[in-house]
Amino acid sequence: MTFWDSDAIVFDNCDKWCHIGCVNISPSMYEKFGNSSALWICPICDTPYHSRTIFQSYLSSGNSILNPNSYSVLSDSSAFSLSFNINDSHENFGDPVATSSPKPPVTKQLKNKNINRQNSLRVLQINFRSCKNKVPQIENLLTSSKPDIIIGNETWLNKDVLSSEIFPNTLFEDVFRNDRVGKEGGGVLIAIKKGIICQEVYKSKNVELIAAQINITDTKSLVIISAYRPPNKNDIDYLKQMIIEINELKLKFKNSTFWLGGDFNLPDIKWPEQNISGSMYTKELNEAFIDMLNNLGIEQMVDFPTRKDNILDLFCTNQPALITKIKSIPGISDHDIVLVDAICKPQRSKQSQHKIYLWKKVDIKKIKDITSHFISELISQANENLNIDQLWNKFKEGSNKIIDDNVPSKITKSKYTNPWANRDIDHLCKKQRKAYNKAKKTGKQEHKDKYKKLKATAQREIRRAQSTYMQEIISPQLEEKPKSFWQFIKAKKQKHLECHH
């Protein structure tokens, strides 16, 4: 064992320190060769050392305890020469046991979570298997996971269902959809959080595919594609048409970051090796998808099962280095949800702020006195030659000034919370997530059964809580307390969207 107050050697060529014990130099040898002018060979980098300031000994200071800097380098020419040639010694030093080089202390920087959140995007890739009957679960998922983007498959929506009936417009105002026409099921969507500047850039008429573009601060843009290949499309023609349209989008936005997500129903491909081991679909079909990825230079990132033991829900990108996290979380259907965190700074519109007056903190008597004085002055001015518009402006300006001067206020931003959520539901959802993680980790059937049971219980309680809330706001008490009802109606307003091809 060596101590920091032991004698040591410093080598300027590699800037490394060695305790004499680490390089097998005895104290007697240290003293013997300390005054030698011979050449030293560095035991670390094997280079000759010509400096006269190799050793630093406590003995040179006369008293090691009183020397505050035990390893200060001697640069005075009057200092003794402490170099010697290793060949002059009859003892073999051997290789150093250990070396060290003092490093300056590193100051830890606290992370600003708000800044990091603005410079990143969180994506949820969801196979819904019908959105309409899962609205409470979707709202609970949005508040717990806080996604910026949703890539959705199997929405089962049609033109009669507004997007605002599924996603609160206070969270997701831009929802781009491509619903299946003429048949039930299917459908894809991309939902983007309110405030992120985006637009729809493509909507396929041949396959279930839609694309949106987000303006990025540091790069040109981010292009997101949501695609779904139904399992009954066994022929190669459907996938080939989808590949053609994806190729066209990649070519059109060749300088953009590219995200492709969706359920492609290709369980035969083993990721990330890209081996084809199953026979559910033809080899030609599986190879066509793999060739598309390789030709476009995009990488498939999901390497964990998303439905039973199969990897069906895929997330592909041409910038894999930007992906900081990708994992599965409990789904709202028979598919798990793919959660992706990426380094990406989108352009955002300035969020509107609202001024709220705190009337409970008002001095009512003071306001009455000021208002009474103001009304008296206004009445006296009414006898002057002022028309009705001038009187109205004076009344409005005076009233606003009284409120601003005498009523406390605060500035707030819109924030969405589930009005029907409660502590019991939050606790139940946490238990569900823990059971999900444990089942994934162990793979035991008993843990899987426990998770399925908790998932069913959580979904039932979420639906019950939402139903109770709806009954309360549409109760006979509506005339007495209409605020909750109209807040609910306001949240269901639909924004008109345009497609930019």
Protein backbone atom coordinates (compact mmCIF):
# COMPACT_ATOMS: atom_id res chain seq x y z
CA MET A 1 0.00 0.00 0.00
CA THR A 2 1.23 3.50 -0.82
CA PHE A 3 0.22 6.81 0.69
CA TRP A 4 0.01 10.28 -0.77
CA ASP A 5 2.83 11.44 1.53
CA SER A 6 5.23 8.84 0.06
CA ASP A 7 8.22 9.83 -2.06
CA ALA A 8 7.43 9.93 -5.75
CA ILE A 9 8.72 10.58 -9.27
CA VAL A 10 7.13 12.77 -11.94
CA PHE A 11 7.83 12.37 -15.69
CA ASP A 12 7.28 15.48 -17.78
CA ASN A 13 6.94 13.59 -21.07
CA CYS A 14 3.78 11.76 -20.06
CA ASP A 15 2.90 13.91 -17.03
CA LYS A 16 2.49 10.88 -14.77
CA TRP A 17 3.45 10.41 -11.13
CA CYS A 18 4.83 7.17 -9.71
CA HIS A 19 5.28 6.37 -6.05
CA ILE A 20 8.66 4.75 -5.47
CA GLY A 21 6.85 1.72 -4.08
CA CYS A 22 4.82 1.36 -7.28
CA VAL A 23 7.96 1.07 -9.44
CA ASN A 24 9.84 -1.11 -6.92
CA ILE A 25 12.38 1.54 -5.87
CA SER A 26 13.51 1.16 -2.28
CA PRO A 27 14.09 4.25 -0.08
CA SER A 28 17.82 3.55 -0.08
CA MET A 29 17.91 3.43 -3.88
CA TYR A 30 15.80 6.61 -4.00
CA GLU A 31 18.38 8.45 -1.89
CA LYS A 32 21.33 6.83 -3.71
CA PHE A 33 20.25 7.85 -7.19
CA GLY A 34 18.65 11.11 -6.17
CA ASN A 35 21.90 13.00 -6.72
CA SER A 36 22.85 11.07 -9.85
CA SER A 37 23.10 12.83 -13.24
CA ALA A 38 22.51 9.67 -15.25
CA LEU A 39 19.70 9.30 -17.78
CA TRP A 40 16.30 8.02 -16.65
CA ILE A 41 14.02 5.79 -18.75
CA CYS A 42 10.35 6.45 -18.01
CA PRO A 43 8.79 3.16 -16.79
CA ILE A 44 5.38 4.29 -18.17
CA CYS A 45 6.03 5.50 -21.72
CA ASP A 46 9.58 4.04 -22.19
CA THR A 47 10.99 7.34 -23.40
CA PRO A 48 14.34 8.82 -22.26
CA TYR A 49 14.05 11.59 -19.75
CA HIS A 50 16.56 14.44 -19.76
CA SER A 51 15.01 16.74 -17.19
CA ARG A 52 16.90 17.48 -14.01
CA THR A 53 13.69 17.57 -11.99
CA ILE A 54 12.60 13.95 -11.78
CA PHE A 55 12.34 13.29 -8.07
CA GLN A 56 10.47 15.26 -5.50
CA SER A 57 11.40 14.17 -2.02
CA TYR A 58 10.14 15.27 1.28
CA LEU A 59 13.71 14.92 2.41
CA SER A 60 14.68 17.85 0.20
CA SER A 61 12.38 20.12 2.19
CA GLY A 62 13.94 19.11 5.46
CA ASN A 63 10.61 18.28 7.04
CA SER A 64 7.88 16.51 5.07
CA ILE A 65 5.16 17.46 7.54
CA LEU A 66 5.81 21.15 7.15
CA ASN A 67 5.92 21.04 3.34
CA PRO A 68 2.43 22.07 2.06
CA ASN A 69 3.02 20.92 -1.53
CA SER A 70 4.69 17.55 -1.49
CA TYR A 71 4.67 17.17 -5.27
CA SER A 72 5.69 20.63 -6.52
CA VAL A 73 8.14 20.28 -9.39
CA LEU A 74 11.67 21.54 -8.84
CA SER A 75 12.58 23.95 -11.58
CA ASP A 76 15.45 25.80 -9.90
CA SER A 77 18.75 25.08 -11.58
CA SER A 78 20.41 24.95 -8.16
CA ALA A 79 18.31 22.00 -7.23
CA PHE A 80 20.11 18.73 -7.23
CA SER A 81 20.06 16.55 -10.33
CA LEU A 82 18.06 13.45 -9.69
CA SER A 83 18.40 11.41 -12.85
CA PHE A 84 20.03 8.11 -13.37
CA ASN A 85 20.17 5.39 -15.96
CA ILE A 86 18.25 2.35 -15.05
CA ASN A 87 21.11 0.25 -16.46
CA ASP A 88 23.48 1.69 -13.80
CA SER A 89 21.59 -0.14 -11.10
CA HIS A 90 22.26 -3.74 -10.15
CA GLU A 91 18.60 -4.07 -9.16
CA ASN A 92 15.77 -4.74 -11.59
CA PHE A 93 12.88 -2.32 -11.06
CA GLY A 94 10.39 -4.20 -13.22
CA ASP A 95 7.09 -2.76 -14.51
CA PRO A 96 5.23 -0.21 -12.37
CA VAL A 97 2.49 -1.65 -10.22
CA ALA A 98 0.35 1.48 -10.50
CA THR A 99 0.54 5.07 -11.71
CA SER A 100 -1.44 8.16 -11.02
CA SER A 101 -1.81 11.67 -12.36
CA PRO A 102 -3.57 14.30 -10.25
CA LYS A 103 -6.69 15.63 -11.92
CA PRO A 104 -8.47 18.88 -11.16
CA PRO A 105 -11.80 18.51 -9.38
CA VAL A 106 -14.82 18.37 -11.67
CA THR A 107 -17.75 20.58 -10.75
CA LYS A 108 -21.07 18.84 -11.25
CA GLN A 109 -23.59 20.85 -13.21
CA LEU A 110 -27.21 20.61 -12.26
CA LYS A 111 -29.47 19.75 -15.15
CA ASN A 112 -32.29 22.09 -15.97
CA LYS A 113 -35.19 19.75 -16.65
CA ASN A 114 -37.25 22.45 -18.35
CA ILE A 115 -34.47 23.27 -20.83
CA ASN A 116 -33.83 19.60 -21.59
CA ARG A 117 -37.53 18.96 -22.16
CA GLN A 118 -37.65 21.80 -24.69
CA ASN A 119 -34.69 20.29 -26.55
CA SER A 120 -36.15 16.80 -26.84
CA LEU A 121 -39.20 14.96 -28.10
CA ARG A 122 -41.04 12.02 -26.60
CA VAL A 123 -42.89 9.71 -28.97
CA LEU A 124 -45.50 7.10 -28.18
CA GLN A 125 -46.12 4.52 -30.89
CA ILE A 126 -49.51 2.98 -30.15
CA ASN A 127 -51.61 0.25 -31.69
CA PHE A 128 -55.03 1.34 -30.43
CA ARG A 129 -57.32 -1.37 -31.78
CA SER A 130 -60.08 1.26 -31.65
CA CYS A 131 -59.76 4.71 -30.13
CA LYS A 132 -63.45 5.36 -29.55
CA ASN A 133 -63.92 2.91 -26.69
CA LYS A 134 -60.59 3.75 -25.02
CA VAL A 135 -60.86 7.51 -24.49
CA PRO A 136 -60.42 7.37 -20.68
CA GLN A 137 -57.36 5.11 -20.98
CA ILE A 138 -55.89 7.40 -23.65
CA GLU A 139 -56.36 10.49 -21.49
CA ASN A 140 -54.77 8.74 -18.53
CA LEU A 141 -51.85 7.65 -20.74
CA LEU A 142 -51.29 11.21 -22.00
CA THR A 143 -51.12 12.70 -18.53
CA SER A 144 -48.83 9.98 -17.16
CA SER A 145 -46.37 9.65 -20.09
CA LYS A 146 -46.49 13.26 -21.35
CA PRO A 147 -45.73 12.55 -25.03
CA ASP A 148 -45.01 15.20 -27.65
CA ILE A 149 -45.90 12.98 -30.62
CA ILE A 150 -48.21 10.01 -31.04
CA ILE A 151 -47.81 7.61 -33.96
CA GLY A 152 -51.05 5.63 -34.03
CA ASN A 153 -52.23 2.50 -35.85
CA GLU A 154 -55.57 0.70 -35.98
CA THR A 155 -57.49 3.77 -34.92
CA TRP A 156 -60.81 2.41 -36.25
CA LEU A 157 -62.05 5.99 -36.79
CA ASN A 158 -64.21 7.50 -39.49
CA LYS A 159 -65.28 10.96 -40.60
CA ASP A 160 -68.10 11.03 -38.05
CA VAL A 161 -65.66 11.04 -35.12
CA LEU A 162 -63.80 14.26 -34.35
CA SER A 163 -60.17 14.06 -33.28
CA SER A 164 -61.02 16.30 -30.31
CA GLU A 165 -63.34 13.56 -29.04
CA ILE A 166 -60.25 11.34 -28.63
CA PHE A 167 -57.46 13.80 -27.80
CA PRO A 168 -58.05 16.92 -25.65
CA ASN A 169 -57.35 19.93 -27.87
CA THR A 170 -55.60 21.62 -24.97
CA LEU A 171 -52.89 18.96 -25.42
CA PHE A 172 -53.04 17.85 -29.06
CA GLU A 173 -54.53 20.42 -31.39
CA ASP A 174 -52.94 18.98 -34.56
CA VAL A 175 -54.10 15.42 -35.29
CA PHE A 176 -53.43 14.18 -38.83
CA ARG A 177 -55.49 11.13 -39.80
CA ASN A 178 -55.89 8.71 -42.65
CA ASP A 179 -59.00 6.69 -41.82
CA ARG A 180 -59.90 3.49 -43.60
CA VAL A 181 -62.74 4.13 -46.04
CA GLY A 182 -65.53 1.64 -46.75
CA LYS A 183 -64.47 -0.91 -44.13
CA GLU A 184 -64.18 -1.01 -40.38
CA GLY A 185 -60.84 -1.20 -38.61
CA GLY A 186 -57.43 0.02 -39.70
CA GLY A 187 -56.54 3.69 -39.93
CA VAL A 188 -53.40 5.64 -38.96
CA LEU A 189 -52.76 8.99 -37.31
CA ILE A 190 -50.05 11.36 -36.13
CA ALA A 191 -50.92 13.59 -33.16
CA ILE A 192 -48.54 16.45 -32.32
CA LYS A 193 -48.54 18.41 -29.10
CA LYS A 194 -50.02 21.88 -29.06
CA GLY A 195 -47.43 24.59 -29.62
CA ILE A 196 -45.11 22.56 -31.88
CA ILE A 197 -45.08 24.04 -35.39
CA CYS A 198 -46.08 21.28 -37.82
CA GLN A 199 -48.06 20.46 -40.92
CA GLU A 200 -49.39 17.45 -42.81
CA VAL A 201 -47.30 16.78 -45.92
CA TYR A 202 -48.72 13.56 -47.35
CA LYS A 203 -51.84 11.38 -47.13
CA SER A 204 -51.86 8.17 -49.12
CA LYS A 205 -54.86 7.13 -51.18
CA ASN A 206 -53.53 3.62 -51.82
CA VAL A 207 -52.23 2.33 -48.48
CA GLU A 208 -52.71 3.19 -44.82
CA LEU A 209 -50.00 5.82 -44.47
CA ILE A 210 -49.78 9.47 -43.47
CA ALA A 211 -46.83 11.86 -43.04
CA ALA A 212 -46.29 15.10 -41.12
CA GLN A 213 -43.44 17.58 -40.92
CA ILE A 214 -42.10 19.41 -37.86
CA ASN A 215 -39.90 22.47 -38.16
CA ILE A 216 -36.64 21.98 -36.29
CA THR A 217 -34.47 24.74 -34.89
CA ASP A 218 -31.04 23.27 -35.61
CA THR A 219 -31.79 21.24 -38.75
CA LYS A 220 -34.20 21.74 -41.60
CA SER A 221 -37.10 19.54 -40.56
CA LEU A 222 -38.31 16.29 -39.06
CA VAL A 223 -40.53 14.07 -41.21
CA ILE A 224 -42.73 11.54 -39.39
CA ILE A 225 -44.54 8.69 -41.14
CA SER A 226 -47.22 6.52 -39.58
CA ALA A 227 -47.92 3.35 -41.57
CA TYR A 228 -49.94 0.18 -41.06
CA ARG A 229 -49.77 -3.07 -43.03
CA PRO A 230 -52.84 -5.19 -42.27
CA PRO A 231 -52.08 -8.86 -41.54
CA ASN A 232 -54.45 -10.01 -44.29
CA LYS A 233 -52.43 -8.21 -46.99
CA ASN A 234 -50.35 -11.28 -47.81
CA ASP A 235 -49.54 -10.21 -51.35
CA ILE A 236 -46.33 -8.36 -52.11
CA ASP A 237 -48.16 -5.67 -54.11
CA TYR A 238 -49.53 -3.84 -51.05
CA LEU A 239 -46.12 -3.65 -49.36
CA LYS A 240 -44.44 -2.65 -52.64
CA GLN A 241 -46.86 0.27 -53.02
CA MET A 242 -46.15 1.34 -49.45
CA ILE A 243 -42.39 1.12 -50.09
CA ILE A 244 -42.75 3.24 -53.26
CA GLU A 245 -44.53 6.01 -51.33
CA ILE A 246 -42.01 5.89 -48.46
CA ASN A 247 -39.18 6.12 -51.00
CA GLU A 248 -40.80 9.18 -52.59
CA LEU A 249 -41.12 10.89 -49.22
CA LYS A 250 -37.51 10.11 -48.34
CA LEU A 251 -36.37 11.52 -51.68
CA LYS A 252 -38.50 14.65 -51.33
CA PHE A 253 -37.18 15.36 -47.81
CA LYS A 254 -33.69 13.94 -48.33
CA ASN A 255 -32.01 16.39 -45.94
CA SER A 256 -34.50 15.88 -43.13
CA THR A 257 -34.45 13.68 -40.07
CA PHE A 258 -36.70 10.73 -40.92
CA TRP A 259 -38.91 8.73 -38.56
CA LEU A 260 -40.99 5.79 -39.77
CA GLY A 261 -43.24 4.06 -37.27
CA GLY A 262 -46.07 1.59 -37.34
CA ASP A 263 -47.33 -1.95 -37.10
CA PHE A 264 -46.04 -3.78 -40.18
CA ASN A 265 -47.05 -7.28 -39.01
CA LEU A 266 -43.72 -8.89 -39.91
CA PRO A 267 -43.10 -11.39 -37.08
CA ASP A 268 -40.77 -13.53 -39.24
CA ILE A 269 -37.97 -10.93 -39.13
CA LYS A 270 -35.65 -11.18 -36.13
CA TRP A 271 -34.31 -7.79 -35.13
CA PRO A 272 -31.71 -6.34 -35.11
CA GLU A 273 -29.99 -9.16 -37.04
CA GLN A 274 -32.57 -8.89 -39.87
CA ASN A 275 -32.74 -12.67 -40.08
CA ILE A 276 -35.87 -14.30 -41.49
CA SER A 277 -36.68 -17.30 -39.33
CA GLY A 278 -40.45 -17.71 -39.59
CA SER A 279 -42.80 -18.70 -42.38
CA MET A 280 -45.98 -16.75 -41.62
CA TYR A 281 -45.35 -14.57 -44.67
CA THR A 282 -43.35 -15.16 -47.82
CA LYS A 283 -39.61 -14.65 -47.92
CA GLU A 284 -40.08 -12.17 -50.75
CA LEU A 285 -42.32 -9.97 -48.62
CA ASN A 286 -39.94 -9.96 -45.64
CA GLU A 287 -36.89 -9.30 -47.80
CA ALA A 288 -38.64 -6.41 -49.55
CA PHE A 289 -39.04 -4.58 -46.25
CA ILE A 290 -35.44 -5.25 -45.18
CA ASP A 291 -34.15 -4.08 -48.57
CA MET A 292 -36.15 -0.86 -48.23
CA LEU A 293 -34.49 -0.05 -44.90
CA ASN A 294 -31.02 -0.77 -46.25
CA ASN A 295 -31.57 1.18 -49.47
CA LEU A 296 -32.90 4.24 -47.63
CA GLY A 297 -30.17 4.09 -44.99
CA ILE A 298 -32.58 3.88 -42.06
CA GLU A 299 -32.28 1.66 -39.00
CA GLN A 300 -35.01 -0.25 -37.17
CA MET A 301 -34.60 0.46 -33.42
CA VAL A 302 -37.12 -1.82 -31.64
CA ASP A 303 -35.43 -4.97 -30.30
CA PHE A 304 -38.07 -6.14 -27.80
CA PRO A 305 -41.42 -7.92 -28.29
CA THR A 306 -44.46 -5.67 -28.67
CA ARG A 307 -47.14 -8.36 -28.96
CA LYS A 308 -46.60 -11.67 -27.21
CA ASP A 309 -43.15 -12.82 -28.40
CA ASN A 310 -43.20 -10.93 -31.70
CA ILE A 311 -41.73 -7.58 -32.73
CA LEU A 312 -44.58 -6.12 -34.77
CA ASP A 313 -44.46 -2.40 -33.94
CA LEU A 314 -41.36 -0.89 -35.54
CA PHE A 315 -39.61 2.48 -35.24
CA CYS A 316 -37.07 3.34 -37.95
CA THR A 317 -34.85 6.40 -38.35
CA ASN A 318 -31.93 7.68 -40.40
CA GLN A 319 -30.48 9.35 -37.28
CA PRO A 320 -30.20 6.59 -34.64
CA ALA A 321 -27.65 8.63 -32.66
CA LEU A 322 -30.42 11.08 -31.73
CA ILE A 323 -32.42 8.35 -29.95
CA THR A 324 -31.63 8.45 -26.22
CA LYS A 325 -34.21 5.96 -24.98
CA ILE A 326 -36.49 3.33 -26.49
CA LYS A 327 -38.52 0.95 -24.36
CA SER A 328 -41.93 -0.65 -24.03
CA ILE A 329 -44.63 0.44 -21.60
CA PRO A 330 -48.03 -1.14 -20.83
CA GLY A 331 -50.38 -0.84 -23.78
CA ILE A 332 -54.09 -0.12 -24.01
CA SER A 333 -54.70 -3.04 -26.40
CA ASP A 334 -53.04 -6.41 -26.94
CA HIS A 335 -49.92 -4.54 -28.15
CA ASP A 336 -47.36 -2.91 -25.88
CA ILE A 337 -46.60 0.76 -26.48
CA VAL A 338 -43.19 1.79 -27.81
CA LEU A 339 -41.83 4.87 -26.01
CA VAL A 340 -39.03 6.81 -27.72
CA ASP A 341 -37.04 9.78 -26.40
CA ALA A 342 -34.99 11.70 -28.96
CA ILE A 343 -32.71 14.73 -28.98
CA CYS A 344 -34.61 17.13 -31.18
CA LYS A 345 -35.45 20.81 -30.70
CA PRO A 346 -38.69 21.65 -32.50
CA GLN A 347 -39.81 25.15 -33.25
CA ARG A 348 -42.64 26.08 -30.94
CA SER A 349 -45.20 28.83 -31.09
CA LYS A 350 -45.37 31.10 -28.10
CA GLN A 351 -47.82 29.71 -25.59
CA SER A 352 -50.59 32.12 -24.68
CA GLN A 353 -50.74 33.33 -21.11
CA HIS A 354 -53.85 34.20 -19.14
CA LYS A 355 -54.26 36.79 -16.44
CA ILE A 356 -56.37 35.55 -13.57
CA TYR A 357 -57.79 37.94 -10.97
CA LEU A 358 -57.78 36.68 -7.39
CA TRP A 359 -61.12 38.05 -6.22
CA LYS A 360 -60.97 36.23 -2.90
CA LYS A 361 -58.10 38.49 -1.84
CA VAL A 362 -59.87 41.76 -2.70
CA ASP A 363 -60.62 44.51 -0.17
CA ILE A 364 -64.29 44.87 -1.09
CA LYS A 365 -64.89 48.03 1.00
CA LYS A 366 -61.96 49.82 -0.63
CA ILE A 367 -63.15 48.94 -4.13
CA LYS A 368 -66.69 50.10 -3.35
CA ASP A 369 -65.42 53.49 -2.16
CA ILE A 370 -63.18 53.95 -5.23
CA THR A 371 -65.93 52.84 -7.60
CA SER A 372 -68.48 55.16 -5.99
CA HIS A 373 -66.12 58.12 -6.40
CA PHE A 374 -65.44 57.15 -10.03
CA ILE A 375 -69.17 56.90 -10.87
CA SER A 376 -69.81 60.34 -9.37
CA GLU A 377 -67.13 61.86 -11.57
CA LEU A 378 -68.48 60.04 -14.61
CA ILE A 379 -72.03 61.34 -13.98
CA SER A 380 -70.74 64.87 -13.69
CA GLN A 381 -68.95 64.50 -17.01
CA ALA A 382 -72.14 63.24 -18.63
CA ASN A 383 -73.53 66.77 -18.53
CA GLU A 384 -70.69 67.90 -20.72
CA ASN A 385 -70.80 67.68 -24.48
CA LEU A 386 -69.75 63.98 -24.61
CA ASN A 387 -71.43 61.49 -26.88
CA ILE A 388 -72.31 57.95 -25.87
CA ASP A 389 -69.14 56.43 -27.31
CA GLN A 390 -66.91 58.80 -25.37
CA LEU A 391 -68.77 58.07 -22.14
CA TRP A 392 -68.48 54.33 -22.74
CA ASN A 393 -64.72 54.55 -23.31
CA LYS A 394 -64.26 56.57 -20.13
CA PHE A 395 -66.33 54.03 -18.18
CA LYS A 396 -64.40 51.08 -19.60
CA GLU A 397 -60.96 52.62 -19.02
CA GLY A 398 -61.87 53.67 -15.48
CA SER A 399 -63.30 50.26 -14.57
CA ASN A 400 -60.26 48.42 -15.91
CA LYS A 401 -57.92 50.75 -14.00
CA ILE A 402 -59.81 50.14 -10.74
CA ILE A 403 -59.54 46.37 -11.23
CA ASP A 404 -55.86 46.40 -12.20
CA ASP A 405 -54.90 48.68 -9.30
CA ASN A 406 -56.91 46.96 -6.56
CA VAL A 407 -57.40 43.29 -7.49
CA PRO A 408 -54.41 40.91 -7.09
CA SER A 409 -53.70 38.78 -10.14
CA LYS A 410 -51.43 36.05 -11.46
CA ILE A 411 -50.27 34.92 -14.91
CA THR A 412 -50.89 31.29 -15.81
CA LYS A 413 -50.45 29.00 -18.79
CA SER A 414 -52.98 26.41 -19.87
CA LYS A 415 -52.33 23.02 -18.30
CA TYR A 416 -54.35 19.90 -18.90
CA THR A 417 -55.31 17.53 -16.11
CA ASN A 418 -57.80 14.71 -16.12
CA PRO A 419 -60.79 16.07 -14.18
CA TRP A 420 -61.92 12.56 -13.27
CA ALA A 421 -58.51 11.22 -12.19
CA ASN A 422 -57.91 10.61 -8.50
CA ARG A 423 -55.28 9.21 -6.15
CA ASP A 424 -56.72 5.68 -6.22
CA ILE A 425 -56.44 5.49 -10.02
CA ASP A 426 -52.87 6.85 -9.94
CA HIS A 427 -51.92 4.22 -7.35
CA LEU A 428 -53.56 1.46 -9.38
CA CYS A 429 -51.74 2.51 -12.56
CA LYS A 430 -48.41 2.51 -10.72
CA LYS A 431 -49.08 -1.04 -9.51
CA GLN A 432 -49.91 -2.02 -13.09
CA ARG A 433 -46.61 -0.58 -14.40
CA LYS A 434 -44.61 -2.37 -11.70
CA ALA A 435 -46.33 -5.66 -12.50
CA TYR A 436 -45.67 -5.10 -16.22
CA ASN A 437 -41.94 -4.50 -15.66
CA LYS A 438 -41.67 -7.53 -13.41
CA ALA A 439 -43.46 -9.77 -15.92
CA LYS A 440 -41.15 -8.57 -18.71
CA LYS A 441 -38.07 -9.13 -16.57
CA THR A 442 -38.88 -12.61 -15.25
CA GLY A 443 -41.06 -14.00 -18.05
CA LYS A 444 -42.90 -16.13 -15.49
CA GLN A 445 -46.51 -16.96 -16.24
CA GLU A 446 -47.66 -16.10 -12.70
CA HIS A 447 -46.26 -12.56 -13.09
CA LYS A 448 -47.89 -12.22 -16.52
CA ASP A 449 -51.24 -13.29 -15.08
CA LYS A 450 -50.91 -10.78 -12.26
CA TYR A 451 -50.18 -7.99 -14.75
CA LYS A 452 -53.18 -8.92 -16.93
CA LYS A 453 -55.42 -8.90 -13.88
CA LEU A 454 -54.17 -5.48 -12.74
CA LYS A 455 -54.49 -4.12 -16.29
CA ALA A 456 -58.14 -5.21 -16.50
CA THR A 457 -58.84 -3.73 -13.05
CA ALA A 458 -57.18 -0.42 -13.96
CA GLN A 459 -59.12 -0.11 -17.21
CA ARG A 460 -62.40 -0.86 -15.43
CA GLU A 461 -61.76 1.72 -12.69
CA ILE A 462 -60.68 4.37 -15.21
CA ARG A 463 -63.90 3.91 -17.21
CA ARG A 464 -65.94 4.00 -14.01
CA ALA A 465 -64.29 7.24 -12.83
CA GLN A 466 -64.90 8.95 -16.16
CA SER A 467 -68.52 7.79 -16.23
CA THR A 468 -69.12 9.11 -12.71
CA TYR A 469 -67.61 12.47 -13.66
CA MET A 470 -69.81 12.75 -16.77
CA GLN A 471 -72.94 12.00 -14.74
CA GLU A 472 -72.04 14.71 -12.26
CA ILE A 473 -71.52 17.49 -14.81
CA ILE A 474 -74.75 16.62 -16.66
CA SER A 475 -76.79 16.31 -13.48
CA PRO A 476 -79.72 18.54 -12.40
CA GLN A 477 -77.10 20.71 -10.70
CA LEU A 478 -75.97 21.93 -14.13
CA GLU A 479 -77.91 25.18 -13.79
CA GLU A 480 -76.25 25.87 -10.44
CA LYS A 481 -72.68 24.95 -11.45
CA PRO A 482 -72.38 25.05 -15.25
CA LYS A 483 -68.63 25.76 -15.35
CA SER A 484 -67.49 22.10 -15.46
CA PHE A 485 -69.94 21.27 -18.22
CA TRP A 486 -68.85 24.14 -20.49
CA GLN A 487 -65.17 23.40 -19.83
CA PHE A 488 -65.80 19.88 -21.09
CA ILE A 489 -67.59 21.16 -24.21
CA LYS A 490 -64.81 23.67 -24.91
CA ALA A 491 -62.18 20.91 -24.78
CA LYS A 492 -64.02 19.03 -27.54
CA LYS A 493 -63.83 21.80 -30.12
CA GLN A 494 -62.21 20.73 -33.37
CA LYS A 495 -59.47 22.67 -35.14
CA HIS A 496 -59.67 22.77 -38.95
CA LEU A 497 -56.61 21.19 -40.54
CA GLU A 498 -55.14 21.62 -43.99
CA CYS A 499 -52.85 19.30 -45.91
CA HIS A 500 -49.76 20.77 -47.62
CA HIS A 501 -48.49 18.52 -50.40
